[in-house]
Amino acid sequence: MNTMRAISQDTLGGPEVLREIRLERSEPRANEVLVRVRAAGVNPTDWKHRATGGFLGEPPYVLGWDVAGTVEAVGIGVAAFRPGDEVFGMLSYPYGHGSHAEYVTAPARVFAPRPAGIDHVQAGALPLVSLTAWQALVERAGLEPGQRVLIHAAAGGVGHVAAQIAKARGAHVIGTASAANHDFLRSLGVDEPLDYRESDFAEVVKDVDVVLDTIGGDTGMRSLRVLRPGGIVVSILPVGPDAFLEEADRLGVRAVRMLVDSDRAGLREITGLVESGRLRATIAGTFPLAEAAEAHRRGETGRTRGKLVLVME
């Protein structure tokens, strides 16, 4: 029997509930590929699911949606890949989880060739955050050159990628972050870093076409008031009060909540940005698979710049 190491949990709780186990390695079925995981991003959705169950309910389960690795085997009908190909992708969100392991089996459509010029760690950091940002800014908001964009938590995982995508689309970017991260934001191309600790964005920002809300709470509602007529707030927090949508209608603006979805076409767009030098993930830290709990602890501080990544040693 082929087995693999994986990070699992039997109960909900803090990082201490995570443990390394051995699981049977599944074989790819029709239209699936088996990928040897080389690197896998750790995202806020991982520690939220670990603590609350989220969409997945009660454990046990293996978390993780980001994947970068090598195709080990392909199922019947897979024409896009063959063993040895280097790929990256996001497992179907939310129910396709399982990348915090040595191997993962998933539909071939969730993967794309790894972009040229980056390693597994970079590739493993990108899929979930870049697809989230792309789908929010381009597909939901229809971002166009010259528009003004406000990105909340612009130094975070989704935020720092969204800032680069927005600049690549020709937008004027305003990004909130602590003052210590303002030079970092400028290095990403952010035109106006805003210290959320020193000023209220709702008081100092105006005439914005697109707001990306990565924070939740009342941020989306308050962001409605900085929009131009017809502007849009896209929140990546999918659940919240109906008042958010109702207030948008009243103000003559738009409000959308969304969840990221797996998308090979989106991955190809991301690949183009990476290979042209317009997009790069900042790596806040790498951790061996066995130290997944420490990666969760680091992430939950809320002070990471960029992405945390598990690497398979």
Protein backbone atom coordinates (compact mmCIF):
# COMPACT_ATOMS: atom_id res chain seq x y z
CA MET A 1 0.00 0.00 0.00
CA ASN A 2 1.34 3.45 -0.95
CA THR A 3 1.12 5.84 1.97
CA MET A 4 1.97 9.48 2.44
CA ARG A 5 2.47 12.00 5.22
CA ALA A 6 -0.27 14.53 5.76
CA ILE A 7 -1.32 17.13 8.33
CA SER A 8 -4.70 16.33 9.85
CA GLN A 9 -6.82 17.08 12.91
CA ASP A 10 -9.38 15.13 14.90
CA THR A 11 -11.00 18.09 16.64
CA LEU A 12 -11.56 21.79 16.07
CA GLY A 13 -9.31 24.18 17.96
CA GLY A 14 -5.99 25.99 17.98
CA PRO A 15 -2.84 25.10 16.03
CA GLU A 16 -2.05 22.39 18.59
CA VAL A 17 -4.81 20.16 17.14
CA LEU A 18 -2.80 19.69 13.94
CA ARG A 19 -0.78 16.48 13.75
CA GLU A 20 1.20 14.56 11.19
CA ILE A 21 -0.36 11.26 10.15
CA ARG A 22 0.03 8.69 7.40
CA LEU A 23 -2.75 8.20 4.87
CA GLU A 24 -3.20 5.93 1.91
CA ARG A 25 -2.24 7.67 -1.30
CA SER A 26 -5.15 7.68 -3.72
CA GLU A 27 -4.72 6.91 -7.41
CA PRO A 28 -6.08 9.25 -10.08
CA ARG A 29 -9.41 8.40 -11.63
CA ALA A 30 -10.59 9.47 -15.09
CA ASN A 31 -9.73 13.14 -15.75
CA GLU A 32 -7.67 13.36 -12.55
CA VAL A 33 -3.97 13.77 -11.88
CA LEU A 34 -1.86 12.67 -8.94
CA VAL A 35 0.57 15.44 -7.97
CA ARG A 36 3.59 15.09 -5.71
CA VAL A 37 3.29 18.26 -3.65
CA ARG A 38 6.49 20.31 -3.45
CA ALA A 39 5.01 23.42 -1.82
CA ALA A 40 1.59 24.43 -0.55
CA GLY A 41 0.48 27.86 0.58
CA VAL A 42 -1.14 28.42 3.96
CA ASN A 43 -4.02 30.88 3.90
CA PRO A 44 -6.39 32.45 6.44
CA THR A 45 -9.07 30.05 5.27
CA ASP A 46 -6.89 27.20 6.56
CA TRP A 47 -6.72 28.42 10.13
CA LYS A 48 -10.36 29.51 10.08
CA HIS A 49 -11.46 26.04 9.01
CA ARG A 50 -9.11 24.45 11.55
CA ALA A 51 -10.74 26.46 14.35
CA THR A 52 -14.40 26.53 13.30
CA GLY A 53 -14.97 23.82 10.71
CA GLY A 54 -16.26 26.43 8.25
CA PHE A 55 -17.70 24.82 5.15
CA LEU A 56 -16.17 21.45 6.04
CA GLY A 57 -17.89 20.76 9.35
CA GLU A 58 -16.39 18.34 11.82
CA PRO A 59 -12.93 16.81 11.23
CA PRO A 60 -10.94 14.71 10.57
CA TYR A 61 -9.68 16.29 7.37
CA VAL A 62 -6.53 17.50 5.64
CA LEU A 63 -6.58 21.21 4.90
CA GLY A 64 -4.82 23.13 2.14
CA TRP A 65 -5.92 24.39 -1.28
CA ASP A 66 -2.72 25.78 -2.84
CA VAL A 67 -0.53 23.31 -4.74
CA ALA A 68 2.76 23.41 -6.59
CA GLY A 69 4.38 20.16 -7.55
CA THR A 70 5.14 17.44 -10.06
CA VAL A 71 2.63 15.25 -11.86
CA GLU A 72 3.19 11.69 -10.64
CA ALA A 73 0.45 9.91 -12.60
CA VAL A 74 -2.55 10.75 -14.77
CA GLY A 75 -5.98 9.16 -15.03
CA ILE A 76 -7.76 8.00 -18.15
CA GLY A 77 -8.55 10.83 -20.53
CA VAL A 78 -6.08 13.40 -19.22
CA ALA A 79 -4.49 15.03 -22.25
CA ALA A 80 -3.13 18.24 -20.73
CA PHE A 81 -0.44 16.68 -18.54
CA ARG A 82 1.87 13.73 -18.27
CA PRO A 83 4.10 12.41 -15.48
CA GLY A 84 7.00 14.74 -14.74
CA ASP A 85 5.19 17.95 -15.64
CA GLU A 86 5.60 20.82 -13.17
CA VAL A 87 2.22 22.31 -12.26
CA PHE A 88 0.49 24.70 -9.91
CA GLY A 89 -3.13 25.26 -9.04
CA MET A 90 -5.88 25.61 -6.49
CA LEU A 91 -7.93 22.61 -5.42
CA SER A 92 -11.67 23.13 -5.84
CA TYR A 93 -12.80 25.53 -3.13
CA PRO A 94 -13.99 24.70 -0.56
CA TYR A 95 -14.54 20.95 -0.82
CA GLY A 96 -11.42 19.93 -2.74
CA HIS A 97 -9.06 20.57 0.19
CA GLY A 98 -6.11 18.32 0.98
CA SER A 99 -2.85 19.85 -0.27
CA HIS A 100 -1.09 19.83 3.12
CA ALA A 101 0.22 16.39 2.32
CA GLU A 102 2.95 14.76 0.26
CA TYR A 103 0.55 13.92 -2.58
CA VAL A 104 -2.83 15.12 -3.76
CA THR A 105 -5.26 13.80 -6.38
CA ALA A 106 -7.52 16.32 -8.11
CA PRO A 107 -9.25 17.07 -11.42
CA ALA A 108 -6.74 17.98 -14.10
CA ARG A 109 -8.67 21.19 -14.83
CA VAL A 110 -7.58 22.81 -11.54
CA PHE A 111 -3.91 22.81 -12.61
CA ALA A 112 -1.81 24.72 -15.11
CA PRO A 113 1.88 24.49 -16.03
CA ARG A 114 4.09 26.17 -13.45
CA PRO A 115 5.10 29.63 -14.70
CA ALA A 116 8.59 29.87 -16.13
CA GLY A 117 11.17 31.58 -13.96
CA ILE A 118 9.74 30.82 -10.51
CA ASP A 119 10.34 27.96 -8.11
CA HIS A 120 7.89 25.68 -6.31
CA VAL A 121 7.66 27.96 -3.27
CA GLN A 122 6.64 30.96 -5.38
CA ALA A 123 4.22 28.83 -7.37
CA GLY A 124 2.74 27.28 -4.23
CA ALA A 125 2.11 30.73 -2.76
CA LEU A 126 0.14 32.10 -5.68
CA PRO A 127 -2.97 30.16 -6.71
CA LEU A 128 -5.62 30.93 -4.08
CA VAL A 129 -4.68 34.56 -3.52
CA SER A 130 -4.09 35.36 -7.18
CA LEU A 131 -7.30 33.73 -8.37
CA THR A 132 -9.20 35.53 -5.60
CA ALA A 133 -7.75 38.88 -6.63
CA TRP A 134 -8.19 38.26 -10.36
CA GLN A 135 -11.79 37.13 -10.02
CA ALA A 136 -12.63 40.03 -7.71
CA LEU A 137 -10.96 42.83 -9.65
CA VAL A 138 -11.27 41.67 -13.24
CA GLU A 139 -14.25 39.33 -13.42
CA ARG A 140 -16.52 40.84 -10.77
CA ALA A 141 -15.48 44.52 -10.88
CA GLY A 142 -14.43 44.77 -14.54
CA LEU A 143 -11.41 46.87 -13.60
CA GLU A 144 -10.27 49.19 -16.41
CA PRO A 145 -7.17 51.36 -16.96
CA GLY A 146 -7.26 54.68 -15.13
CA GLN A 147 -9.77 53.60 -12.49
CA ARG A 148 -9.15 54.22 -8.80
CA VAL A 149 -8.96 51.13 -6.60
CA LEU A 150 -8.91 50.85 -2.81
CA ILE A 151 -7.43 47.58 -1.50
CA HIS A 152 -7.87 46.83 2.18
CA ALA A 153 -5.00 45.01 3.96
CA ALA A 154 -2.84 45.55 0.90
CA ALA A 155 0.26 43.98 2.50
CA GLY A 156 -1.52 40.69 3.20
CA GLY A 157 -1.75 37.55 1.08
CA VAL A 158 -4.62 38.54 -1.20
CA GLY A 159 -3.94 42.27 -0.85
CA HIS A 160 -0.34 42.33 -2.04
CA VAL A 161 -1.21 40.25 -5.09
CA ALA A 162 -4.32 42.33 -5.81
CA ALA A 163 -2.22 45.51 -5.75
CA GLN A 164 0.07 44.11 -8.43
CA ILE A 165 -2.82 42.90 -10.58
CA ALA A 166 -4.51 46.29 -10.31
CA LYS A 167 -1.31 48.08 -11.37
CA ALA A 168 -0.88 45.67 -14.26
CA ARG A 169 -4.42 46.64 -15.35
CA GLY A 170 -3.42 50.32 -15.32
CA ALA A 171 -5.30 51.35 -12.18
CA HIS A 172 -4.47 53.99 -9.57
CA VAL A 173 -4.07 51.98 -6.36
CA ILE A 174 -4.76 53.06 -2.78
CA GLY A 175 -3.80 50.46 -0.19
CA THR A 176 -4.36 50.29 3.56
CA ALA A 177 -1.60 48.93 5.79
CA SER A 178 0.35 49.89 8.89
CA ALA A 179 3.01 52.56 8.37
CA ALA A 180 5.74 49.94 8.68
CA ASN A 181 4.46 48.35 5.46
CA HIS A 182 4.21 51.51 3.36
CA ASP A 183 7.59 51.12 1.68
CA PHE A 184 6.61 47.55 0.85
CA LEU A 185 3.36 48.77 -0.71
CA ARG A 186 5.25 51.32 -2.78
CA SER A 187 7.54 48.54 -4.02
CA LEU A 188 4.42 46.77 -5.32
CA GLY A 189 3.37 49.91 -7.20
CA VAL A 190 0.77 51.20 -4.75
CA ASP A 191 0.26 54.90 -5.46
CA GLU A 192 -1.23 55.92 -2.11
CA PRO A 193 -0.40 53.89 1.01
CA LEU A 194 -2.85 54.68 3.81
CA ASP A 195 -2.14 54.03 7.50
CA TYR A 196 -5.36 52.56 8.87
CA ARG A 197 -4.16 53.19 12.43
CA GLU A 198 -3.76 56.93 11.89
CA SER A 199 -6.68 57.78 9.65
CA ASP A 200 -10.17 56.54 8.82
CA PHE A 201 -10.25 55.53 5.18
CA ALA A 202 -13.94 56.42 4.98
CA GLU A 203 -13.04 60.03 5.84
CA VAL A 204 -9.99 60.54 3.63
CA VAL A 205 -10.65 58.43 0.52
CA LYS A 206 -13.19 59.41 -2.13
CA ASP A 207 -14.12 58.97 -5.80
CA VAL A 208 -13.07 55.32 -5.92
CA ASP A 209 -14.27 53.01 -8.70
CA VAL A 210 -13.47 49.66 -7.05
CA VAL A 211 -12.94 48.57 -3.44
CA LEU A 212 -11.58 45.13 -2.55
CA ASP A 213 -12.67 44.19 0.97
CA THR A 214 -10.44 41.46 2.39
CA ILE A 215 -11.28 42.21 6.03
CA GLY A 216 -15.01 41.85 6.61
CA GLY A 217 -16.91 43.21 9.59
CA ASP A 218 -18.16 46.70 8.84
CA THR A 219 -15.38 47.40 6.31
CA GLY A 220 -17.53 46.59 3.29
CA MET A 221 -20.43 48.73 4.48
CA ARG A 222 -18.18 51.71 5.24
CA SER A 223 -16.42 51.29 1.90
CA LEU A 224 -19.66 51.95 0.02
CA ARG A 225 -19.36 55.64 0.90
CA VAL A 226 -16.00 56.14 -0.79
CA LEU A 227 -17.30 55.02 -4.19
CA ARG A 228 -18.17 57.09 -7.19
CA PRO A 229 -21.72 56.59 -8.53
CA GLY A 230 -21.82 53.15 -10.13
CA GLY A 231 -18.70 52.00 -8.29
CA ILE A 232 -18.41 48.57 -6.71
CA VAL A 233 -17.25 46.97 -3.46
CA VAL A 234 -16.22 43.35 -3.87
CA SER A 235 -16.01 41.47 -0.58
CA ILE A 236 -14.22 38.13 -0.41
CA LEU A 237 -16.08 37.43 2.84
CA PRO A 238 -19.09 35.52 1.50
CA VAL A 239 -21.47 35.84 4.47
CA GLY A 240 -22.83 38.98 6.06
CA PRO A 241 -25.90 41.15 6.63
CA ASP A 242 -28.30 41.95 3.81
CA ALA A 243 -27.91 45.60 4.78
CA PHE A 244 -24.63 45.69 2.83
CA LEU A 245 -26.43 44.99 -0.46
CA GLU A 246 -29.43 47.14 0.45
CA GLU A 247 -27.28 50.16 1.32
CA ALA A 248 -25.41 49.80 -1.98
CA ASP A 249 -28.70 49.97 -3.87
CA ARG A 250 -29.74 53.04 -1.88
CA LEU A 251 -26.47 54.83 -2.67
CA GLY A 252 -26.49 53.99 -6.37
CA VAL A 253 -23.42 51.76 -6.17
CA ARG A 254 -22.83 48.02 -6.33
CA ALA A 255 -21.89 45.43 -3.73
CA VAL A 256 -20.84 41.83 -4.37
CA ARG A 257 -19.79 38.97 -2.12
CA MET A 258 -17.80 36.13 -3.63
CA LEU A 259 -15.85 32.94 -3.05
CA VAL A 260 -12.84 32.07 -5.15
CA ASP A 261 -13.32 29.26 -7.65
CA SER A 262 -10.82 27.00 -9.41
CA ASP A 263 -10.15 28.19 -12.93
CA ARG A 264 -7.46 27.12 -15.38
CA ALA A 265 -8.11 30.15 -17.60
CA GLY A 266 -7.52 32.40 -14.61
CA LEU A 267 -4.29 30.55 -13.82
CA ARG A 268 -3.12 31.22 -17.36
CA GLU A 269 -3.79 34.94 -16.90
CA ILE A 270 -1.78 34.81 -13.66
CA THR A 271 1.00 32.94 -15.47
CA GLY A 272 1.18 35.73 -18.06
CA LEU A 273 1.58 38.34 -15.33
CA VAL A 274 4.28 36.30 -13.57
CA GLU A 275 6.25 35.59 -16.72
CA SER A 276 6.12 39.25 -17.79
CA GLY A 277 7.53 40.31 -14.41
CA ARG A 278 4.39 42.10 -13.24
CA LEU A 279 3.41 39.70 -10.45
CA ARG A 280 5.40 37.99 -7.73
CA ALA A 281 4.39 36.59 -4.38
CA THR A 282 6.24 37.87 -1.32
CA ILE A 283 7.11 34.94 0.93
CA ALA A 284 6.60 35.73 4.61
CA GLY A 285 8.05 32.39 5.69
CA THR A 286 8.47 28.74 4.74
CA PHE A 287 7.89 25.76 7.05
CA PRO A 288 8.46 22.02 6.71
CA LEU A 289 5.24 20.02 6.51
CA ALA A 290 5.75 18.77 10.07
CA GLU A 291 5.72 22.39 11.33
CA ALA A 292 2.30 23.25 9.88
CA ALA A 293 1.06 24.22 13.34
CA GLU A 294 3.79 26.86 13.59
CA ALA A 295 2.78 28.24 10.20
CA HIS A 296 -0.79 28.58 11.51
CA ARG A 297 0.45 30.36 14.65
CA ARG A 298 2.47 32.77 12.55
CA GLY A 299 -0.46 33.48 10.26
CA GLU A 300 -2.89 34.07 13.08
CA THR A 301 -0.80 36.96 14.38
CA GLY A 302 -2.26 38.98 11.49
CA ARG A 303 1.14 40.60 10.94
CA THR A 304 2.54 38.60 8.05
CA ARG A 305 3.64 40.37 4.90
CA GLY A 306 2.72 38.22 1.90
CA LYS A 307 2.36 34.45 2.05
CA LEU A 308 3.31 31.53 4.28
CA VAL A 309 4.24 28.28 2.52
CA LEU A 310 4.67 24.65 3.60
CA VAL A 311 7.51 22.85 1.81
CA MET A 312 7.92 19.10 1.51
CA GLU A 313 11.39 18.23 2.72
